[in-house]
Amino acid sequence: MKIIKYPHSCVMIETKGKRILIDPGNIGYKDEYFDEWNNVDVILVTHKHGDHCHKEILKELDVKIYSTKEVADSATELNIDIAKLGDTIHIGNVKVEVVDAQHGYLPVMKGRYPKEAVGYIIDDGNKRLYHTGDTICFENDYKADILLIGVSGRVTTTAFEASEFAKAVGAEIVIPIHMESPKHPVNAKDIEETFERENINYKALSTGEVYEA
C-alpha cells in the first residue's frame, strides 16, 4: 500500500492496482494536481467543507465520487454516489468501509457545521488504513494498521487525543493530517514531542512525499 501526500488532509492511496483519492480540498491546490486527481479510480470525500471538497475542481474531473447525502445536497454540480454510515464500497479487490466521524464545533461555524461527516477504512487484505476525516475523539471499535488523523486541535483531535485514538484502534503508525490551514497554524514540534512522549510510531509527510506500508 502506497500513500501519497497532498496538502492538508488530501492523500492518494495506491493498492491492488487501484488509486483512491481522499479529501481533495482547496487548501494548497495547484493546477498540476488536476491530471493526477483525474487519473484515479475513485474519490472519497468525508464532509462538505471546502478544505476537503474542492467543488470547482471536482466538477471538472471524470471520476466517480463517493460522499454523504449532505455533500451531494450542498454540491449539486457534482455527481455523487451516496456513502452511508456502515456501507462497504468495493473497488476491485479493495474494500472501503464507511465509518463514523464526529466533527468538532466552533461558534464561527454556525450555519456551516456539517451534520454528516464520515471516515473511511481502506482494507486491501494486507493492511487497513483509516482516514478519519475531521473528528474529535469518540467511542468506537474500529481497527486499523495505519491511522491518518487530524491533529490541529481545531475541530479535530489534539496530538495527545490522536495518540489515545491511535492506541484504541491498534494503529502501527500514525500519519498526521489537517495541519496546513493558513488560518490555523499548528506547532509541529509540539505534535512530534507529544507523539514521542506517548510512544506513538508516526510519520509526518510533506506534500509530495510517499510512504509505503
N, C-alpha and C. Protein backbone atom coordinates (compact mmCIF):
# COMPACT_ATOMS: atom_id res chain seq x y z
N MET A 1 0.85 -1.19 0.00
CA MET A 1 0.00 0.00 0.00
C MET A 1 0.88 1.24 0.00
N LYS A 2 0.61 2.14 -0.95
CA LYS A 2 1.39 3.37 -1.08
C LYS A 2 0.50 4.57 -0.76
N ILE A 3 1.02 5.49 0.05
CA ILE A 3 0.30 6.70 0.44
C ILE A 3 1.06 7.89 -0.12
N ILE A 4 0.38 8.72 -0.91
CA ILE A 4 0.98 9.93 -1.49
C ILE A 4 0.30 11.13 -0.86
N LYS A 5 1.10 12.00 -0.27
CA LYS A 5 0.56 13.14 0.49
C LYS A 5 0.35 14.35 -0.42
N TYR A 6 -0.85 14.91 -0.34
CA TYR A 6 -1.18 16.21 -0.93
C TYR A 6 -1.42 17.19 0.22
N PRO A 7 -1.67 18.47 -0.07
CA PRO A 7 -1.85 19.41 1.03
C PRO A 7 -3.01 19.06 1.97
N HIS A 8 -2.83 19.46 3.22
CA HIS A 8 -3.85 19.41 4.26
C HIS A 8 -4.28 17.96 4.54
N SER A 9 -5.51 17.58 4.22
CA SER A 9 -5.99 16.24 4.55
C SER A 9 -6.09 15.33 3.33
N CYS A 10 -5.57 15.76 2.21
CA CYS A 10 -5.71 15.01 0.96
C CYS A 10 -4.56 14.01 0.79
N VAL A 11 -4.94 12.77 0.50
CA VAL A 11 -3.96 11.73 0.21
C VAL A 11 -4.47 10.88 -0.94
N MET A 12 -3.51 10.27 -1.64
CA MET A 12 -3.86 9.25 -2.62
C MET A 12 -3.33 7.91 -2.13
N ILE A 13 -4.18 6.90 -2.19
CA ILE A 13 -3.81 5.56 -1.79
C ILE A 13 -3.72 4.69 -3.04
N GLU A 14 -2.58 4.04 -3.23
CA GLU A 14 -2.41 3.12 -4.35
C GLU A 14 -2.22 1.71 -3.78
N THR A 15 -3.11 0.79 -4.18
CA THR A 15 -3.01 -0.58 -3.70
C THR A 15 -3.81 -1.50 -4.61
N LYS A 16 -3.32 -2.70 -4.80
CA LYS A 16 -4.01 -3.72 -5.60
C LYS A 16 -4.41 -3.19 -6.98
N GLY A 17 -3.56 -2.35 -7.55
CA GLY A 17 -3.82 -1.80 -8.88
C GLY A 17 -4.87 -0.71 -8.92
N LYS A 18 -5.31 -0.22 -7.75
CA LYS A 18 -6.32 0.83 -7.68
C LYS A 18 -5.73 2.08 -7.06
N ARG A 19 -6.29 3.22 -7.46
CA ARG A 19 -5.87 4.52 -6.94
C ARG A 19 -7.09 5.21 -6.34
N ILE A 20 -7.00 5.53 -5.06
CA ILE A 20 -8.12 6.11 -4.31
C ILE A 20 -7.68 7.45 -3.76
N LEU A 21 -8.40 8.52 -4.10
CA LEU A 21 -8.09 9.86 -3.62
C LEU A 21 -9.08 10.25 -2.53
N ILE A 22 -8.55 10.73 -1.40
CA ILE A 22 -9.41 11.09 -0.27
C ILE A 22 -9.28 12.58 0.03
N ASP A 23 -10.39 13.25 0.14
CA ASP A 23 -10.49 14.65 0.57
C ASP A 23 -9.62 15.64 -0.23
N PRO A 24 -9.84 15.69 -1.55
CA PRO A 24 -9.15 16.70 -2.35
C PRO A 24 -9.76 18.08 -2.12
N GLY A 25 -9.10 18.88 -1.32
CA GLY A 25 -9.65 20.17 -0.93
C GLY A 25 -8.97 21.34 -1.61
N ASN A 26 -9.37 22.55 -1.19
CA ASN A 26 -8.88 23.76 -1.86
C ASN A 26 -7.64 24.37 -1.21
N ILE A 27 -7.22 23.88 -0.06
CA ILE A 27 -6.02 24.42 0.57
C ILE A 27 -4.79 23.89 -0.15
N GLY A 28 -3.98 24.78 -0.65
CA GLY A 28 -2.74 24.40 -1.30
C GLY A 28 -2.89 23.79 -2.68
N TYR A 29 -4.11 23.87 -3.26
CA TYR A 29 -4.31 23.26 -4.57
C TYR A 29 -3.43 23.92 -5.63
N LYS A 30 -2.87 23.09 -6.53
CA LYS A 30 -2.08 23.56 -7.66
C LYS A 30 -2.63 22.95 -8.94
N ASP A 31 -2.51 23.69 -10.04
CA ASP A 31 -3.03 23.20 -11.31
C ASP A 31 -2.42 21.87 -11.70
N GLU A 32 -1.18 21.62 -11.26
CA GLU A 32 -0.50 20.37 -11.62
C GLU A 32 -1.20 19.15 -11.03
N TYR A 33 -2.04 19.37 -10.02
CA TYR A 33 -2.75 18.24 -9.41
C TYR A 33 -3.89 17.73 -10.28
N PHE A 34 -4.38 18.57 -11.19
CA PHE A 34 -5.60 18.22 -11.91
C PHE A 34 -5.47 16.87 -12.62
N ASP A 35 -4.43 16.71 -13.42
CA ASP A 35 -4.28 15.46 -14.16
C ASP A 35 -4.06 14.27 -13.23
N GLU A 36 -3.36 14.49 -12.12
CA GLU A 36 -3.13 13.41 -11.15
C GLU A 36 -4.45 12.99 -10.52
N TRP A 37 -5.26 13.97 -10.13
CA TRP A 37 -6.55 13.67 -9.49
C TRP A 37 -7.54 13.09 -10.49
N ASN A 38 -7.36 13.39 -11.76
CA ASN A 38 -8.27 12.88 -12.78
C ASN A 38 -7.88 11.47 -13.22
N ASN A 39 -6.77 10.97 -12.70
CA ASN A 39 -6.28 9.64 -13.06
C ASN A 39 -6.36 8.70 -11.86
N VAL A 40 -7.53 8.67 -11.22
CA VAL A 40 -7.75 7.77 -10.10
C VAL A 40 -9.02 6.98 -10.37
N ASP A 41 -9.20 5.92 -9.59
CA ASP A 41 -10.38 5.07 -9.78
C ASP A 41 -11.60 5.62 -9.06
N VAL A 42 -11.38 6.28 -7.92
CA VAL A 42 -12.49 6.78 -7.13
C VAL A 42 -12.00 7.89 -6.21
N ILE A 43 -12.90 8.81 -5.89
CA ILE A 43 -12.63 9.88 -4.93
C ILE A 43 -13.58 9.71 -3.75
N LEU A 44 -13.03 9.83 -2.54
CA LEU A 44 -13.82 9.76 -1.31
C LEU A 44 -13.76 11.11 -0.61
N VAL A 45 -14.90 11.65 -0.25
CA VAL A 45 -14.97 12.94 0.45
C VAL A 45 -15.64 12.72 1.80
N THR A 46 -15.02 13.22 2.87
CA THR A 46 -15.52 12.95 4.22
C THR A 46 -16.64 13.89 4.64
N HIS A 47 -16.62 15.15 4.18
CA HIS A 47 -17.67 16.10 4.56
C HIS A 47 -17.62 17.31 3.64
N LYS A 48 -18.51 18.26 3.86
CA LYS A 48 -18.80 19.29 2.87
C LYS A 48 -17.84 20.47 2.84
N HIS A 49 -16.98 20.65 3.80
CA HIS A 49 -16.13 21.84 3.85
C HIS A 49 -15.13 21.88 2.70
N GLY A 50 -14.86 23.08 2.22
CA GLY A 50 -14.03 23.26 1.03
C GLY A 50 -12.60 22.77 1.18
N ASP A 51 -12.09 22.72 2.40
CA ASP A 51 -10.72 22.22 2.56
C ASP A 51 -10.65 20.70 2.42
N HIS A 52 -11.82 20.08 2.25
CA HIS A 52 -11.88 18.64 2.00
C HIS A 52 -12.59 18.32 0.68
N CYS A 53 -13.30 19.30 0.14
CA CYS A 53 -14.10 19.09 -1.07
C CYS A 53 -13.99 20.32 -1.96
N HIS A 54 -13.05 20.29 -2.90
CA HIS A 54 -12.81 21.41 -3.80
C HIS A 54 -13.80 21.30 -4.98
N LYS A 55 -15.00 21.82 -4.77
CA LYS A 55 -16.08 21.62 -5.73
C LYS A 55 -15.74 22.12 -7.13
N GLU A 56 -15.06 23.26 -7.21
CA GLU A 56 -14.77 23.85 -8.52
C GLU A 56 -13.89 22.93 -9.36
N ILE A 57 -13.01 22.19 -8.72
CA ILE A 57 -12.14 21.26 -9.45
C ILE A 57 -12.83 19.91 -9.63
N LEU A 58 -13.49 19.43 -8.59
CA LEU A 58 -14.11 18.11 -8.67
C LEU A 58 -15.15 18.03 -9.78
N LYS A 59 -15.85 19.11 -10.06
CA LYS A 59 -16.88 19.07 -11.10
C LYS A 59 -16.27 18.90 -12.49
N GLU A 60 -14.98 19.18 -12.62
CA GLU A 60 -14.30 19.03 -13.91
C GLU A 60 -13.67 17.66 -14.09
N LEU A 61 -13.60 16.87 -13.04
CA LEU A 61 -12.94 15.57 -13.10
C LEU A 61 -13.90 14.50 -13.61
N ASP A 62 -13.36 13.55 -14.34
CA ASP A 62 -14.16 12.43 -14.83
C ASP A 62 -13.88 11.21 -13.95
N VAL A 63 -14.29 11.30 -12.71
CA VAL A 63 -14.00 10.28 -11.70
C VAL A 63 -15.24 10.09 -10.83
N LYS A 64 -15.54 8.84 -10.47
CA LYS A 64 -16.64 8.55 -9.56
C LYS A 64 -16.31 9.11 -8.18
N ILE A 65 -17.28 9.80 -7.56
CA ILE A 65 -17.09 10.41 -6.25
C ILE A 65 -18.10 9.80 -5.27
N TYR A 66 -17.60 9.39 -4.11
CA TYR A 66 -18.47 8.94 -3.04
C TYR A 66 -18.41 9.94 -1.90
N SER A 67 -19.57 10.25 -1.35
CA SER A 67 -19.62 11.10 -0.17
C SER A 67 -21.01 11.00 0.46
N THR A 68 -21.25 11.86 1.44
CA THR A 68 -22.51 11.82 2.17
C THR A 68 -23.63 12.51 1.39
N LYS A 69 -24.86 12.27 1.82
CA LYS A 69 -26.00 12.95 1.20
C LYS A 69 -25.89 14.45 1.42
N GLU A 70 -25.38 14.87 2.56
CA GLU A 70 -25.24 16.31 2.82
C GLU A 70 -24.31 16.96 1.81
N VAL A 71 -23.22 16.28 1.46
CA VAL A 71 -22.31 16.81 0.44
C VAL A 71 -23.03 16.85 -0.91
N ALA A 72 -23.74 15.79 -1.24
CA ALA A 72 -24.47 15.76 -2.51
C ALA A 72 -25.49 16.89 -2.59
N ASP A 73 -26.17 17.17 -1.48
CA ASP A 73 -27.19 18.22 -1.46
C ASP A 73 -26.57 19.62 -1.52
N SER A 74 -25.37 19.76 -0.97
CA SER A 74 -24.73 21.08 -0.94
C SER A 74 -23.84 21.32 -2.15
N ALA A 75 -23.62 20.29 -2.94
CA ALA A 75 -22.78 20.42 -4.14
C ALA A 75 -23.50 19.74 -5.29
N THR A 76 -24.61 20.33 -5.70
CA THR A 76 -25.45 19.69 -6.71
C THR A 76 -24.77 19.64 -8.08
N GLU A 77 -23.70 20.41 -8.24
CA GLU A 77 -22.97 20.37 -9.51
C GLU A 77 -22.12 19.11 -9.64
N LEU A 78 -21.98 18.36 -8.54
CA LEU A 78 -21.21 17.13 -8.55
C LEU A 78 -22.14 15.93 -8.64
N ASN A 79 -21.71 14.92 -9.37
CA ASN A 79 -22.46 13.67 -9.47
C ASN A 79 -21.92 12.70 -8.41
N ILE A 80 -22.55 12.69 -7.25
CA ILE A 80 -22.02 11.96 -6.10
C ILE A 80 -22.83 10.69 -5.83
N ASP A 81 -22.12 9.60 -5.65
CA ASP A 81 -22.73 8.37 -5.17
C ASP A 81 -22.77 8.46 -3.64
N ILE A 82 -23.94 8.25 -3.05
CA ILE A 82 -24.09 8.43 -1.61
C ILE A 82 -23.41 7.29 -0.85
N ALA A 83 -22.58 7.68 0.12
CA ALA A 83 -21.92 6.72 1.01
C ALA A 83 -22.53 6.89 2.39
N LYS A 84 -23.24 5.87 2.84
CA LYS A 84 -23.90 5.93 4.14
C LYS A 84 -23.06 5.22 5.20
N LEU A 85 -23.21 5.68 6.42
CA LEU A 85 -22.53 5.06 7.54
C LEU A 85 -22.84 3.56 7.58
N GLY A 86 -21.79 2.74 7.61
CA GLY A 86 -21.97 1.30 7.62
C GLY A 86 -21.85 0.64 6.27
N ASP A 87 -21.85 1.44 5.20
CA ASP A 87 -21.70 0.89 3.85
C ASP A 87 -20.29 0.33 3.65
N THR A 88 -20.18 -0.61 2.73
CA THR A 88 -18.88 -1.08 2.24
C THR A 88 -18.85 -0.87 0.73
N ILE A 89 -17.84 -0.15 0.28
CA ILE A 89 -17.66 0.14 -1.14
C ILE A 89 -16.58 -0.79 -1.66
N HIS A 90 -16.83 -1.48 -2.77
CA HIS A 90 -15.86 -2.39 -3.35
C HIS A 90 -15.23 -1.74 -4.58
N ILE A 91 -13.92 -1.61 -4.55
CA ILE A 91 -13.16 -1.05 -5.67
C ILE A 91 -12.17 -2.12 -6.11
N GLY A 92 -12.56 -2.92 -7.07
CA GLY A 92 -11.76 -4.09 -7.41
C GLY A 92 -11.67 -5.01 -6.20
N ASN A 93 -10.44 -5.36 -5.83
CA ASN A 93 -10.22 -6.22 -4.68
C ASN A 93 -10.02 -5.44 -3.38
N VAL A 94 -10.32 -4.17 -3.40
CA VAL A 94 -10.15 -3.32 -2.23
C VAL A 94 -11.52 -2.99 -1.64
N LYS A 95 -11.62 -3.10 -0.32
CA LYS A 95 -12.87 -2.73 0.38
C LYS A 95 -12.68 -1.39 1.07
N VAL A 96 -13.71 -0.56 1.02
CA VAL A 96 -13.72 0.71 1.74
C VAL A 96 -14.93 0.70 2.66
N GLU A 97 -14.66 0.76 3.96
CA GLU A 97 -15.72 0.80 4.96
C GLU A 97 -16.02 2.27 5.30
N VAL A 98 -17.29 2.62 5.27
CA VAL A 98 -17.71 3.98 5.62
C VAL A 98 -18.01 4.00 7.11
N VAL A 99 -17.22 4.78 7.85
CA VAL A 99 -17.32 4.75 9.32
C VAL A 99 -17.67 6.15 9.85
N ASP A 100 -17.97 6.20 11.12
CA ASP A 100 -18.44 7.44 11.74
C ASP A 100 -17.30 8.43 11.92
N ALA A 101 -17.65 9.71 11.99
CA ALA A 101 -16.75 10.79 12.39
C ALA A 101 -17.57 11.79 13.18
N GLN A 102 -16.94 12.40 14.17
CA GLN A 102 -17.62 13.40 15.00
C GLN A 102 -16.88 14.72 14.84
N HIS A 103 -17.30 15.50 13.86
CA HIS A 103 -16.65 16.77 13.54
C HIS A 103 -16.76 17.73 14.71
N GLY A 104 -15.64 18.32 15.11
CA GLY A 104 -15.66 19.29 16.19
C GLY A 104 -16.41 20.56 15.79
N TYR A 105 -16.79 21.35 16.80
CA TYR A 105 -17.59 22.55 16.56
C TYR A 105 -16.93 23.78 17.16
N LEU A 106 -16.97 24.87 16.41
CA LEU A 106 -16.59 26.19 16.89
C LEU A 106 -17.73 27.15 16.56
N PRO A 107 -18.01 28.15 17.41
CA PRO A 107 -19.13 29.07 17.13
C PRO A 107 -19.05 29.73 15.77
N VAL A 108 -17.85 29.97 15.26
CA VAL A 108 -17.72 30.60 13.94
C VAL A 108 -18.30 29.73 12.83
N MET A 109 -18.51 28.45 13.13
CA MET A 109 -19.04 27.52 12.14
C MET A 109 -20.57 27.48 12.13
N LYS A 110 -21.21 28.32 12.92
CA LYS A 110 -22.67 28.31 12.96
C LYS A 110 -23.23 28.49 11.55
N GLY A 111 -24.10 27.57 11.14
CA GLY A 111 -24.68 27.59 9.81
C GLY A 111 -23.85 26.84 8.79
N ARG A 112 -22.63 26.49 9.14
CA ARG A 112 -21.76 25.77 8.22
C ARG A 112 -21.32 24.42 8.79
N TYR A 113 -21.78 24.12 10.00
CA TYR A 113 -21.36 22.89 10.65
C TYR A 113 -21.90 21.68 9.89
N PRO A 114 -21.05 20.71 9.58
CA PRO A 114 -21.54 19.54 8.85
C PRO A 114 -22.35 18.61 9.75
N LYS A 115 -23.55 18.33 9.35
CA LYS A 115 -24.39 17.42 10.12
C LYS A 115 -24.07 15.96 9.80
N GLU A 116 -23.40 15.75 8.67
CA GLU A 116 -22.94 14.42 8.28
C GLU A 116 -21.44 14.48 8.03
N ALA A 117 -20.69 13.66 8.73
CA ALA A 117 -19.26 13.52 8.47
C ALA A 117 -18.91 12.05 8.65
N VAL A 118 -18.04 11.57 7.80
CA VAL A 118 -17.65 10.16 7.85
C VAL A 118 -16.14 10.05 7.76
N GLY A 119 -15.65 8.87 8.10
CA GLY A 119 -14.28 8.48 7.82
C GLY A 119 -14.31 7.27 6.89
N TYR A 120 -13.15 6.86 6.45
CA TYR A 120 -13.06 5.70 5.55
C TYR A 120 -11.95 4.78 6.00
N ILE A 121 -12.23 3.48 6.06
CA ILE A 121 -11.21 2.48 6.32
C ILE A 121 -11.02 1.67 5.04
N ILE A 122 -9.81 1.74 4.49
CA ILE A 122 -9.47 1.04 3.26
C ILE A 122 -8.76 -0.25 3.62
N ASP A 123 -9.30 -1.37 3.17
CA ASP A 123 -8.79 -2.70 3.50
C ASP A 123 -8.43 -3.42 2.21
N ASP A 124 -7.12 -3.67 2.01
CA ASP A 124 -6.69 -4.36 0.80
C ASP A 124 -6.38 -5.83 1.04
N GLY A 125 -6.74 -6.33 2.23
CA GLY A 125 -6.47 -7.72 2.57
C GLY A 125 -5.16 -7.91 3.29
N ASN A 126 -4.28 -6.92 3.19
CA ASN A 126 -2.99 -6.96 3.89
C ASN A 126 -2.92 -5.89 4.97
N LYS A 127 -3.37 -4.70 4.64
CA LYS A 127 -3.33 -3.58 5.56
C LYS A 127 -4.69 -2.89 5.61
N ARG A 128 -4.98 -2.30 6.77
CA ARG A 128 -6.18 -1.48 6.93
C ARG A 128 -5.73 -0.05 7.22
N LEU A 129 -6.14 0.86 6.37
CA LEU A 129 -5.81 2.27 6.50
C LEU A 129 -7.08 3.04 6.84
N TYR A 130 -7.01 3.84 7.91
CA TYR A 130 -8.17 4.57 8.41
C TYR A 130 -7.90 6.07 8.28
N HIS A 131 -8.66 6.72 7.39
CA HIS A 131 -8.64 8.18 7.25
C HIS A 131 -9.85 8.69 8.01
N THR A 132 -9.59 9.42 9.09
CA THR A 132 -10.69 9.80 9.99
C THR A 132 -11.53 10.97 9.49
N GLY A 133 -11.02 11.71 8.46
CA GLY A 133 -11.65 13.00 8.19
C GLY A 133 -11.44 13.91 9.38
N ASP A 134 -12.30 14.90 9.54
CA ASP A 134 -12.23 15.79 10.70
C ASP A 134 -13.03 15.16 11.83
N THR A 135 -12.36 14.80 12.91
CA THR A 135 -13.09 14.22 14.03
C THR A 135 -12.41 14.54 15.34
N ILE A 136 -13.21 14.61 16.38
CA ILE A 136 -12.70 14.60 17.74
C ILE A 136 -12.78 13.15 18.22
N CYS A 137 -12.29 12.87 19.41
CA CYS A 137 -12.37 11.52 19.95
C CYS A 137 -13.83 11.12 20.19
N PHE A 138 -14.15 9.89 19.90
CA PHE A 138 -15.47 9.36 20.20
C PHE A 138 -15.34 7.85 20.38
N GLU A 139 -16.30 7.27 21.06
CA GLU A 139 -16.23 5.83 21.34
C GLU A 139 -16.51 5.04 20.07
N ASN A 140 -15.62 4.09 19.77
CA ASN A 140 -15.82 3.22 18.62
C ASN A 140 -14.99 1.96 18.80
N ASP A 141 -15.21 0.99 17.93
CA ASP A 141 -14.43 -0.24 17.98
C ASP A 141 -13.70 -0.50 16.67
N TYR A 142 -13.38 0.57 15.92
CA TYR A 142 -12.69 0.42 14.65
C TYR A 142 -11.25 -0.03 14.87
N LYS A 143 -10.72 -0.80 13.93
CA LYS A 143 -9.34 -1.27 14.00
C LYS A 143 -8.64 -0.98 12.67
N ALA A 144 -7.38 -0.57 12.76
CA ALA A 144 -6.62 -0.26 11.56
C ALA A 144 -5.12 -0.33 11.87
N ASP A 145 -4.35 -0.60 10.82
CA ASP A 145 -2.90 -0.63 10.94
C ASP A 145 -2.29 0.75 10.77
N ILE A 146 -2.90 1.54 9.90
CA ILE A 146 -2.38 2.87 9.55
C ILE A 146 -3.48 3.88 9.85
N LEU A 147 -3.15 4.91 10.62
CA LEU A 147 -4.14 5.92 11.00
C LEU A 147 -3.73 7.28 10.47
N LEU A 148 -4.58 7.87 9.64
CA LEU A 148 -4.42 9.24 9.18
C LEU A 148 -5.45 10.07 9.93
N ILE A 149 -4.96 10.96 10.81
CA ILE A 149 -5.87 11.66 11.71
C ILE A 149 -5.46 13.12 11.86
N GLY A 150 -6.47 14.02 11.90
CA GLY A 150 -6.22 15.44 12.11
C GLY A 150 -5.70 15.70 13.50
N VAL A 151 -4.69 16.55 13.61
CA VAL A 151 -4.06 16.82 14.91
C VAL A 151 -4.00 18.31 15.22
N SER A 152 -4.79 19.10 14.52
CA SER A 152 -4.72 20.55 14.69
C SER A 152 -5.32 21.01 16.01
N GLY A 153 -6.20 20.18 16.61
CA GLY A 153 -6.89 20.59 17.82
C GLY A 153 -8.02 21.58 17.57
N ARG A 154 -8.28 21.89 16.31
CA ARG A 154 -9.40 22.77 15.93
C ARG A 154 -10.34 21.95 15.06
N VAL A 155 -11.44 21.54 15.62
CA VAL A 155 -12.44 20.65 15.03
C VAL A 155 -11.88 19.25 14.79
N THR A 156 -10.65 19.00 15.17
CA THR A 156 -10.06 17.67 15.12
C THR A 156 -9.44 17.38 16.49
N THR A 157 -8.83 16.21 16.61
CA THR A 157 -8.15 15.89 17.85
C THR A 157 -6.88 16.72 18.02
N THR A 158 -6.44 16.84 19.26
CA THR A 158 -5.09 17.31 19.54
C THR A 158 -4.13 16.14 19.34
N ALA A 159 -2.84 16.42 19.42
CA ALA A 159 -1.86 15.34 19.27
C ALA A 159 -2.02 14.30 20.37
N PHE A 160 -2.30 14.75 21.60
CA PHE A 160 -2.50 13.80 22.68
C PHE A 160 -3.74 12.94 22.43
N GLU A 161 -4.83 13.59 22.03
CA GLU A 161 -6.06 12.84 21.75
C GLU A 161 -5.85 11.87 20.58
N ALA A 162 -5.10 12.32 19.56
CA ALA A 162 -4.79 11.44 18.43
C ALA A 162 -3.99 10.23 18.89
N SER A 163 -3.10 10.45 19.87
CA SER A 163 -2.33 9.34 20.42
C SER A 163 -3.24 8.31 21.08
N GLU A 164 -4.20 8.79 21.86
CA GLU A 164 -5.14 7.89 22.51
C GLU A 164 -6.01 7.18 21.48
N PHE A 165 -6.43 7.91 20.46
CA PHE A 165 -7.23 7.33 19.38
C PHE A 165 -6.44 6.22 18.69
N ALA A 166 -5.16 6.49 18.41
CA ALA A 166 -4.31 5.51 17.73
C ALA A 166 -4.16 4.24 18.55
N LYS A 167 -3.98 4.39 19.86
CA LYS A 167 -3.87 3.22 20.72
C LYS A 167 -5.16 2.41 20.70
N ALA A 168 -6.29 3.08 20.69
CA ALA A 168 -7.58 2.39 20.72
C ALA A 168 -7.82 1.59 19.44
N VAL A 169 -7.41 2.13 18.29
CA VAL A 169 -7.63 1.40 17.03
C VAL A 169 -6.52 0.41 16.73
N GLY A 170 -5.46 0.43 17.54
CA GLY A 170 -4.36 -0.52 17.34
C GLY A 170 -3.46 -0.17 16.18
N ALA A 171 -3.31 1.11 15.89
CA ALA A 171 -2.53 1.54 14.74
C ALA A 171 -1.04 1.26 14.94
N GLU A 172 -0.41 0.75 13.89
CA GLU A 172 1.04 0.53 13.90
C GLU A 172 1.78 1.84 13.64
N ILE A 173 1.15 2.72 12.88
CA ILE A 173 1.77 4.01 12.56
C ILE A 173 0.68 5.06 12.38
N VAL A 174 1.00 6.29 12.78
CA VAL A 174 0.11 7.43 12.63
C VAL A 174 0.72 8.41 11.63
N ILE A 175 -0.09 8.86 10.70
CA ILE A 175 0.31 9.91 9.76
C ILE A 175 -0.59 11.11 10.05
N PRO A 176 -0.05 12.17 10.66
CA PRO A 176 -0.87 13.33 11.00
C PRO A 176 -1.30 14.10 9.75
N ILE A 177 -2.54 14.58 9.75
CA ILE A 177 -3.07 15.38 8.64
C ILE A 177 -3.79 16.61 9.22
N HIS A 178 -4.39 17.42 8.31
CA HIS A 178 -5.15 18.61 8.71
C HIS A 178 -4.25 19.59 9.45
N MET A 179 -3.07 19.86 8.88
CA MET A 179 -2.07 20.69 9.54
C MET A 179 -1.70 21.94 8.75
N GLU A 180 -2.34 22.18 7.60
CA GLU A 180 -1.82 23.19 6.69
C GLU A 180 -2.77 24.35 6.43
N SER A 181 -3.77 24.52 7.28
CA SER A 181 -4.64 25.67 7.11
C SER A 181 -3.89 26.96 7.46
N PRO A 182 -3.84 27.93 6.54
CA PRO A 182 -3.14 29.18 6.86
C PRO A 182 -3.81 29.97 7.98
N LYS A 183 -5.10 29.72 8.22
CA LYS A 183 -5.81 30.42 9.30
C LYS A 183 -5.51 29.81 10.67
N HIS A 184 -5.08 28.56 10.68
CA HIS A 184 -4.90 27.85 11.95
C HIS A 184 -3.57 27.12 11.96
N PRO A 185 -2.48 27.85 12.09
CA PRO A 185 -1.16 27.19 12.10
C PRO A 185 -1.02 26.26 13.30
N VAL A 186 -0.27 25.18 13.10
CA VAL A 186 -0.05 24.21 14.17
C VAL A 186 1.41 24.25 14.60
N ASN A 187 1.67 23.74 15.77
CA ASN A 187 3.02 23.65 16.30
C ASN A 187 3.53 22.24 16.04
N ALA A 188 4.25 22.07 14.92
CA ALA A 188 4.70 20.74 14.52
C ALA A 188 5.63 20.12 15.56
N LYS A 189 6.46 20.95 16.17
CA LYS A 189 7.39 20.43 17.17
C LYS A 189 6.64 19.87 18.38
N ASP A 190 5.60 20.58 18.80
CA ASP A 190 4.79 20.09 19.93
C ASP A 190 4.11 18.77 19.58
N ILE A 191 3.63 18.66 18.35
CA ILE A 191 2.97 17.43 17.91
C ILE A 191 3.97 16.27 17.95
N GLU A 192 5.17 16.50 17.42
CA GLU A 192 6.20 15.45 17.41
C GLU A 192 6.58 15.05 18.83
N GLU A 193 6.75 16.04 19.71
CA GLU A 193 7.12 15.74 21.09
C GLU A 193 6.03 14.95 21.80
N THR A 194 4.77 15.27 21.50
CA THR A 194 3.66 14.55 22.12
C THR A 194 3.64 13.10 21.67
N PHE A 195 3.76 12.87 20.37
CA PHE A 195 3.77 11.50 19.86
C PHE A 195 4.93 10.70 20.47
N GLU A 196 6.08 11.32 20.56
CA GLU A 196 7.25 10.62 21.11
C GLU A 196 7.04 10.32 22.60
N ARG A 197 6.48 11.26 23.33
CA ARG A 197 6.22 11.05 24.76
C ARG A 197 5.21 9.93 24.97
N GLU A 198 4.24 9.82 24.05
CA GLU A 198 3.19 8.80 24.17
C GLU A 198 3.57 7.49 23.47
N ASN A 199 4.83 7.40 23.01
CA ASN A 199 5.33 6.19 22.35
C ASN A 199 4.51 5.81 21.11
N ILE A 200 4.18 6.84 20.32
CA ILE A 200 3.44 6.64 19.09
C ILE A 200 4.41 6.62 17.91
N ASN A 201 4.35 5.55 17.14
CA ASN A 201 5.13 5.48 15.90
C ASN A 201 4.42 6.34 14.86
N TYR A 202 5.09 7.35 14.33
CA TYR A 202 4.43 8.27 13.42
C TYR A 202 5.36 8.66 12.28
N LYS A 203 4.76 9.17 11.23
CA LYS A 203 5.50 9.71 10.09
C LYS A 203 4.78 10.95 9.60
N ALA A 204 5.42 12.10 9.77
CA ALA A 204 4.85 13.35 9.28
C ALA A 204 5.30 13.54 7.84
N LEU A 205 4.37 13.45 6.91
CA LEU A 205 4.69 13.54 5.49
C LEU A 205 4.60 14.97 4.99
N SER A 206 5.56 15.36 4.17
CA SER A 206 5.49 16.64 3.47
C SER A 206 4.67 16.44 2.19
N THR A 207 4.14 17.53 1.64
CA THR A 207 3.39 17.44 0.40
C THR A 207 4.28 16.84 -0.69
N GLY A 208 3.75 15.83 -1.38
CA GLY A 208 4.50 15.15 -2.42
C GLY A 208 5.27 13.94 -1.93
N GLU A 209 5.40 13.79 -0.62
CA GLU A 209 6.15 12.66 -0.07
C GLU A 209 5.30 11.39 -0.15
N VAL A 210 6.00 10.26 -0.29
CA VAL A 210 5.35 8.97 -0.43
C VAL A 210 5.75 8.08 0.74
N TYR A 211 4.77 7.35 1.28
CA TYR A 211 5.03 6.37 2.32
C TYR A 211 4.47 5.03 1.85
N GLU A 212 5.29 4.00 2.00
CA GLU A 212 4.84 2.65 1.59
C GLU A 212 4.74 1.76 2.82
N ALA A 213 3.63 1.06 2.93
CA ALA A 213 3.39 0.18 4.08
C ALA A 213 3.26 -1.27 3.60
